[in-house]
């Protein structure tokens, strides 16, 4: 199956205390989830038709170890399935001390303009 690796450094804006998800100066779960989604988005990109993108529909994330400011985070995503535009990924994240999180993530292909218009006309 297809795989991708992304590396990021934990910055101030990624800390739990700064995103409102906690009171500590450690990598927040929302910031980690965003990196994981980014990896899946990039992995799916090559199989998309022009004018389409993917949107996240499910994220089953287990964040098991803290990472401090300045830590290097490595995210490895593997495409498990692409069934007619329904994608499933297995994603793992590491810092220099070892594994920090695992997740299963699902995305679906959509027509970008149509999806955006649908969202914009809700209110």
N, C-alpha and C. Protein backbone atom coordinates (compact mmCIF):
# COMPACT_ATOMS: atom_id res chain seq x y z
N UNK A 1 0.83 -1.19 0.00
CA UNK A 1 0.00 0.00 0.00
C UNK A 1 0.87 1.25 0.00
N UNK A 2 0.27 2.37 -0.37
CA UNK A 2 0.99 3.64 -0.41
C UNK A 2 1.22 4.18 1.00
N UNK A 3 2.39 4.84 1.19
CA UNK A 3 2.73 5.42 2.48
C UNK A 3 3.31 6.82 2.28
N UNK A 4 3.26 7.61 3.35
CA UNK A 4 3.87 8.94 3.35
C UNK A 4 4.38 9.22 4.76
N UNK A 5 5.44 10.03 4.84
CA UNK A 5 5.99 10.45 6.13
C UNK A 5 6.06 11.97 6.14
N UNK A 6 5.60 12.57 7.23
CA UNK A 6 5.65 14.02 7.43
C UNK A 6 6.37 14.28 8.75
N UNK A 7 7.23 15.28 8.75
CA UNK A 7 7.91 15.69 9.98
C UNK A 7 7.56 17.13 10.31
N UNK A 8 7.31 17.40 11.58
CA UNK A 8 7.00 18.74 12.08
C UNK A 8 7.75 18.95 13.39
N UNK A 9 8.01 20.19 13.72
CA UNK A 9 8.57 20.57 15.01
C UNK A 9 7.45 21.18 15.84
N UNK A 10 7.32 20.78 17.10
CA UNK A 10 6.28 21.33 17.98
C UNK A 10 6.59 22.80 18.25
N UNK A 11 5.65 23.66 17.88
CA UNK A 11 5.78 25.11 18.06
C UNK A 11 4.76 25.59 19.09
N UNK A 12 4.93 26.83 19.52
CA UNK A 12 4.06 27.43 20.54
C UNK A 12 2.58 27.29 20.20
N UNK A 13 2.23 27.53 18.93
CA UNK A 13 0.82 27.49 18.53
C UNK A 13 0.23 26.08 18.55
N UNK A 14 1.07 25.05 18.72
CA UNK A 14 0.60 23.66 18.76
C UNK A 14 0.42 23.14 20.19
N UNK A 15 0.79 23.93 21.18
CA UNK A 15 0.74 23.49 22.57
C UNK A 15 -0.69 23.48 23.11
N UNK A 16 -0.97 22.51 23.96
CA UNK A 16 -2.31 22.36 24.53
C UNK A 16 -2.77 23.63 25.23
N UNK A 17 -1.87 24.27 25.95
CA UNK A 17 -2.23 25.49 26.67
C UNK A 17 -2.63 26.62 25.72
N UNK A 18 -2.13 26.61 24.50
CA UNK A 18 -2.43 27.67 23.54
C UNK A 18 -3.59 27.37 22.61
N UNK A 19 -4.01 26.11 22.50
CA UNK A 19 -5.17 25.79 21.65
C UNK A 19 -6.44 25.56 22.47
N UNK A 20 -6.30 25.61 23.79
CA UNK A 20 -7.47 25.47 24.65
C UNK A 20 -7.86 24.03 24.95
N UNK A 21 -6.97 23.09 24.67
CA UNK A 21 -7.32 21.69 24.93
C UNK A 21 -6.68 21.15 26.20
N UNK A 22 -5.96 22.00 26.92
CA UNK A 22 -5.31 21.58 28.16
C UNK A 22 -4.56 22.75 28.77
N UNK A 23 -3.90 22.48 29.89
CA UNK A 23 -3.21 23.54 30.61
C UNK A 23 -1.69 23.37 30.59
N UNK A 24 -1.20 22.41 29.83
CA UNK A 24 0.23 22.12 29.81
C UNK A 24 0.88 22.53 28.50
N UNK A 25 2.18 22.71 28.57
CA UNK A 25 2.98 23.11 27.40
C UNK A 25 3.51 21.86 26.69
N UNK A 26 2.58 21.08 26.16
CA UNK A 26 2.88 19.86 25.41
C UNK A 26 2.07 19.88 24.11
N UNK A 27 2.50 19.07 23.15
CA UNK A 27 1.77 18.96 21.89
C UNK A 27 0.31 18.63 22.17
N UNK A 28 -0.58 19.44 21.63
CA UNK A 28 -2.01 19.21 21.84
C UNK A 28 -2.51 18.10 20.92
N UNK A 29 -3.53 17.42 21.39
CA UNK A 29 -4.16 16.39 20.56
C UNK A 29 -4.78 17.00 19.31
N UNK A 30 -5.45 18.18 19.38
CA UNK A 30 -5.96 18.77 18.14
C UNK A 30 -4.87 19.07 17.11
N UNK A 31 -3.71 19.56 17.56
CA UNK A 31 -2.62 19.83 16.62
C UNK A 31 -2.09 18.53 16.02
N UNK A 32 -1.99 17.50 16.82
CA UNK A 32 -1.54 16.20 16.32
C UNK A 32 -2.56 15.64 15.32
N UNK A 33 -3.83 15.78 15.63
CA UNK A 33 -4.87 15.31 14.72
C UNK A 33 -4.78 16.03 13.37
N UNK A 34 -4.48 17.33 13.40
CA UNK A 34 -4.35 18.09 12.16
C UNK A 34 -3.18 17.58 11.31
N UNK A 35 -2.07 17.25 11.96
CA UNK A 35 -0.92 16.70 11.22
C UNK A 35 -1.29 15.35 10.62
N UNK A 36 -2.00 14.54 11.37
CA UNK A 36 -2.42 13.23 10.87
C UNK A 36 -3.35 13.39 9.68
N UNK A 37 -4.30 14.32 9.77
CA UNK A 37 -5.19 14.56 8.63
C UNK A 37 -4.41 15.09 7.42
N UNK A 38 -3.44 15.95 7.67
CA UNK A 38 -2.60 16.47 6.59
C UNK A 38 -1.90 15.33 5.85
N UNK A 39 -1.39 14.38 6.60
CA UNK A 39 -0.68 13.25 5.96
C UNK A 39 -1.63 12.44 5.08
N UNK A 40 -2.83 12.21 5.56
CA UNK A 40 -3.82 11.45 4.78
C UNK A 40 -4.25 12.23 3.53
N UNK A 41 -4.47 13.53 3.69
CA UNK A 41 -4.85 14.38 2.57
C UNK A 41 -3.79 14.30 1.47
N UNK A 42 -2.52 14.42 1.86
CA UNK A 42 -1.43 14.35 0.89
C UNK A 42 -1.34 12.98 0.23
N UNK A 43 -1.58 11.94 1.00
CA UNK A 43 -1.50 10.58 0.46
C UNK A 43 -2.61 10.31 -0.55
N UNK A 44 -3.79 10.84 -0.31
CA UNK A 44 -4.93 10.62 -1.21
C UNK A 44 -4.85 11.48 -2.46
N UNK A 45 -4.13 12.58 -2.39
CA UNK A 45 -4.12 13.59 -3.45
C UNK A 45 -3.81 13.03 -4.84
N UNK A 46 -2.88 12.11 -4.94
CA UNK A 46 -2.47 11.57 -6.24
C UNK A 46 -3.56 10.78 -6.95
N UNK A 47 -4.54 10.30 -6.22
CA UNK A 47 -5.57 9.48 -6.85
C UNK A 47 -6.85 10.27 -7.16
N UNK A 48 -6.81 11.59 -6.96
CA UNK A 48 -8.01 12.40 -7.16
C UNK A 48 -8.10 12.98 -8.57
N UNK A 49 -9.32 13.14 -9.04
CA UNK A 49 -9.58 13.81 -10.31
C UNK A 49 -9.47 15.32 -10.12
N UNK A 50 -9.19 16.07 -11.19
CA UNK A 50 -9.16 17.53 -11.08
C UNK A 50 -10.48 18.06 -10.51
N UNK A 51 -10.40 19.05 -9.62
CA UNK A 51 -11.59 19.64 -9.04
C UNK A 51 -12.12 18.90 -7.82
N UNK A 52 -11.46 17.81 -7.45
CA UNK A 52 -11.91 17.08 -6.27
C UNK A 52 -10.86 17.18 -5.17
N UNK A 53 -11.32 16.94 -3.96
CA UNK A 53 -10.45 16.89 -2.79
C UNK A 53 -11.04 15.84 -1.86
N UNK A 54 -10.43 15.66 -0.71
CA UNK A 54 -11.02 14.77 0.29
C UNK A 54 -11.32 15.56 1.54
N UNK A 55 -12.32 15.12 2.26
CA UNK A 55 -12.67 15.69 3.56
C UNK A 55 -12.67 14.57 4.59
N UNK A 56 -12.23 14.93 5.79
CA UNK A 56 -12.21 13.95 6.87
C UNK A 56 -13.61 13.65 7.37
N UNK A 57 -13.87 12.38 7.63
CA UNK A 57 -15.19 11.99 8.13
C UNK A 57 -15.10 11.24 9.45
N UNK A 58 -13.93 10.70 9.77
CA UNK A 58 -13.78 9.96 11.02
C UNK A 58 -12.31 9.95 11.42
N UNK A 59 -12.07 10.11 12.72
CA UNK A 59 -10.72 10.09 13.25
C UNK A 59 -10.77 9.37 14.59
N UNK A 60 -10.20 8.18 14.65
CA UNK A 60 -10.14 7.41 15.88
C UNK A 60 -8.70 7.46 16.36
N UNK A 61 -8.42 8.40 17.27
CA UNK A 61 -7.06 8.75 17.66
C UNK A 61 -6.80 8.39 19.12
N UNK A 62 -5.67 7.74 19.35
CA UNK A 62 -5.21 7.41 20.70
C UNK A 62 -3.85 8.08 20.90
N UNK A 63 -3.84 9.19 21.64
CA UNK A 63 -2.64 9.99 21.90
C UNK A 63 -2.10 9.57 23.26
N UNK A 64 -0.99 8.83 23.30
CA UNK A 64 -0.57 8.14 24.52
C UNK A 64 0.67 8.69 25.20
N UNK A 65 1.37 9.64 24.58
CA UNK A 65 2.60 10.13 25.19
C UNK A 65 2.80 11.61 24.86
N UNK A 66 3.23 12.42 25.85
CA UNK A 66 3.40 13.86 25.62
C UNK A 66 4.68 14.18 24.87
N UNK A 67 4.65 15.28 24.13
CA UNK A 67 5.82 15.79 23.41
C UNK A 67 5.96 17.27 23.75
N UNK A 68 7.17 17.71 24.12
CA UNK A 68 7.37 19.10 24.53
C UNK A 68 7.60 20.04 23.35
N UNK A 69 7.59 21.32 23.65
CA UNK A 69 7.94 22.36 22.69
C UNK A 69 9.31 22.03 22.09
N UNK A 70 9.42 22.13 20.78
CA UNK A 70 10.68 21.87 20.08
C UNK A 70 10.90 20.43 19.66
N UNK A 71 10.05 19.52 20.10
CA UNK A 71 10.20 18.11 19.73
C UNK A 71 9.94 17.92 18.23
N UNK A 72 10.66 17.00 17.61
CA UNK A 72 10.39 16.64 16.21
C UNK A 72 9.34 15.53 16.21
N UNK A 73 8.26 15.76 15.49
CA UNK A 73 7.17 14.78 15.37
C UNK A 73 7.22 14.18 13.97
N UNK A 74 7.24 12.87 13.91
CA UNK A 74 7.22 12.16 12.64
C UNK A 74 5.90 11.40 12.54
N UNK A 75 5.16 11.67 11.48
CA UNK A 75 3.87 11.02 11.25
C UNK A 75 3.99 10.15 10.01
N UNK A 76 3.62 8.88 10.17
CA UNK A 76 3.63 7.92 9.06
C UNK A 76 2.21 7.49 8.77
N UNK A 77 1.77 7.73 7.54
CA UNK A 77 0.42 7.36 7.13
C UNK A 77 0.48 6.28 6.05
N UNK A 78 -0.42 5.34 6.16
CA UNK A 78 -0.52 4.26 5.18
C UNK A 78 -1.96 4.18 4.68
N UNK A 79 -2.12 4.17 3.37
CA UNK A 79 -3.45 4.01 2.78
C UNK A 79 -3.85 2.55 2.89
N UNK A 80 -4.92 2.28 3.62
CA UNK A 80 -5.40 0.91 3.78
C UNK A 80 -6.39 0.53 2.69
N UNK A 81 -7.21 1.53 2.28
CA UNK A 81 -8.27 1.22 1.31
C UNK A 81 -8.71 2.48 0.59
N UNK A 82 -9.01 2.33 -0.69
CA UNK A 82 -9.67 3.35 -1.49
C UNK A 82 -10.77 2.65 -2.23
N UNK A 83 -11.99 2.75 -1.71
CA UNK A 83 -13.15 2.09 -2.29
C UNK A 83 -14.08 3.15 -2.88
N UNK A 84 -13.89 3.42 -4.17
CA UNK A 84 -14.73 4.38 -4.89
C UNK A 84 -14.77 5.74 -4.18
N UNK A 85 -13.60 6.24 -3.80
CA UNK A 85 -13.51 7.55 -3.19
C UNK A 85 -13.70 7.58 -1.69
N UNK A 86 -13.84 6.42 -1.08
CA UNK A 86 -13.89 6.31 0.37
C UNK A 86 -12.55 5.75 0.83
N UNK A 87 -11.80 6.57 1.55
CA UNK A 87 -10.43 6.24 1.93
C UNK A 87 -10.34 5.87 3.40
N UNK A 88 -9.45 4.93 3.70
CA UNK A 88 -9.16 4.54 5.07
C UNK A 88 -7.64 4.52 5.24
N UNK A 89 -7.16 5.09 6.34
CA UNK A 89 -5.73 5.22 6.60
C UNK A 89 -5.38 4.71 7.99
N UNK A 90 -4.19 4.15 8.11
CA UNK A 90 -3.60 3.82 9.41
C UNK A 90 -2.46 4.81 9.59
N UNK A 91 -2.47 5.54 10.71
CA UNK A 91 -1.48 6.59 10.92
C UNK A 91 -0.84 6.42 12.30
N UNK A 92 0.48 6.57 12.34
CA UNK A 92 1.23 6.51 13.59
C UNK A 92 2.08 7.77 13.72
N UNK A 93 2.29 8.22 14.96
CA UNK A 93 3.12 9.40 15.21
C UNK A 93 4.17 9.07 16.26
N UNK A 94 5.36 9.66 16.06
CA UNK A 94 6.51 9.40 16.93
C UNK A 94 7.20 10.72 17.26
N UNK A 95 7.84 10.76 18.43
CA UNK A 95 8.83 11.78 18.70
C UNK A 95 10.16 11.04 18.90
N UNK A 96 11.20 11.74 19.30
CA UNK A 96 12.51 11.09 19.41
C UNK A 96 12.54 9.99 20.47
N UNK A 97 11.60 9.99 21.41
CA UNK A 97 11.56 8.97 22.45
C UNK A 97 10.76 7.74 22.04
N UNK A 98 9.99 7.82 20.95
CA UNK A 98 9.20 6.66 20.51
C UNK A 98 7.81 7.04 20.08
N UNK A 99 6.93 6.04 20.06
CA UNK A 99 5.57 6.25 19.57
C UNK A 99 4.78 7.14 20.53
N UNK A 100 4.01 8.07 19.96
CA UNK A 100 3.18 8.95 20.78
C UNK A 100 1.69 8.82 20.47
N UNK A 101 1.36 8.26 19.31
CA UNK A 101 -0.06 8.15 18.95
C UNK A 101 -0.27 7.20 17.77
N UNK A 102 -1.48 6.66 17.72
CA UNK A 102 -1.93 5.85 16.58
C UNK A 102 -3.36 6.25 16.27
N UNK A 103 -3.72 6.12 15.00
CA UNK A 103 -5.12 6.40 14.67
C UNK A 103 -5.52 5.69 13.38
N UNK A 104 -6.81 5.54 13.25
CA UNK A 104 -7.45 5.14 12.00
C UNK A 104 -8.26 6.36 11.55
N UNK A 105 -8.08 6.73 10.30
CA UNK A 105 -8.71 7.94 9.79
C UNK A 105 -9.42 7.62 8.49
N UNK A 106 -10.60 8.19 8.31
CA UNK A 106 -11.37 7.99 7.09
C UNK A 106 -11.64 9.33 6.43
N UNK A 107 -11.59 9.33 5.11
CA UNK A 107 -11.85 10.52 4.30
C UNK A 107 -12.72 10.10 3.13
N UNK A 108 -13.39 11.06 2.52
CA UNK A 108 -14.21 10.80 1.35
C UNK A 108 -13.90 11.86 0.30
N UNK A 109 -13.87 11.45 -0.96
CA UNK A 109 -13.64 12.38 -2.06
C UNK A 109 -14.91 13.17 -2.33
N UNK A 110 -14.73 14.48 -2.56
CA UNK A 110 -15.85 15.37 -2.88
C UNK A 110 -15.44 16.32 -3.99
N UNK A 111 -16.43 16.85 -4.69
CA UNK A 111 -16.18 17.92 -5.64
C UNK A 111 -15.99 19.20 -4.83
N UNK A 112 -14.81 19.80 -4.92
CA UNK A 112 -14.44 20.90 -4.05
C UNK A 112 -15.43 22.06 -4.11
N UNK A 113 -15.74 22.54 -5.29
CA UNK A 113 -16.62 23.71 -5.43
C UNK A 113 -18.02 23.42 -4.90
N UNK A 114 -18.56 22.26 -5.23
CA UNK A 114 -19.91 21.91 -4.78
C UNK A 114 -19.97 21.79 -3.25
N UNK A 115 -18.95 21.15 -2.68
CA UNK A 115 -18.90 20.98 -1.23
C UNK A 115 -18.80 22.34 -0.53
N UNK A 116 -17.94 23.22 -1.05
CA UNK A 116 -17.79 24.55 -0.46
C UNK A 116 -19.08 25.35 -0.57
N UNK A 117 -19.72 25.28 -1.72
CA UNK A 117 -21.00 25.99 -1.90
C UNK A 117 -22.06 25.50 -0.93
N UNK A 118 -22.10 24.21 -0.70
CA UNK A 118 -23.05 23.62 0.23
C UNK A 118 -22.81 24.18 1.64
N UNK A 119 -21.55 24.24 2.04
CA UNK A 119 -21.23 24.78 3.36
C UNK A 119 -21.56 26.26 3.44
N UNK A 120 -21.22 27.02 2.41
CA UNK A 120 -21.42 28.47 2.42
C UNK A 120 -22.89 28.88 2.45
N UNK A 121 -23.78 28.05 1.96
CA UNK A 121 -25.19 28.41 1.89
C UNK A 121 -25.99 27.88 3.08
N UNK A 122 -25.34 27.33 4.09
CA UNK A 122 -26.05 26.80 5.25
C UNK A 122 -26.70 27.90 6.09
N UNK A 123 -26.11 29.08 6.14
CA UNK A 123 -26.65 30.13 7.01
C UNK A 123 -26.92 31.38 6.22
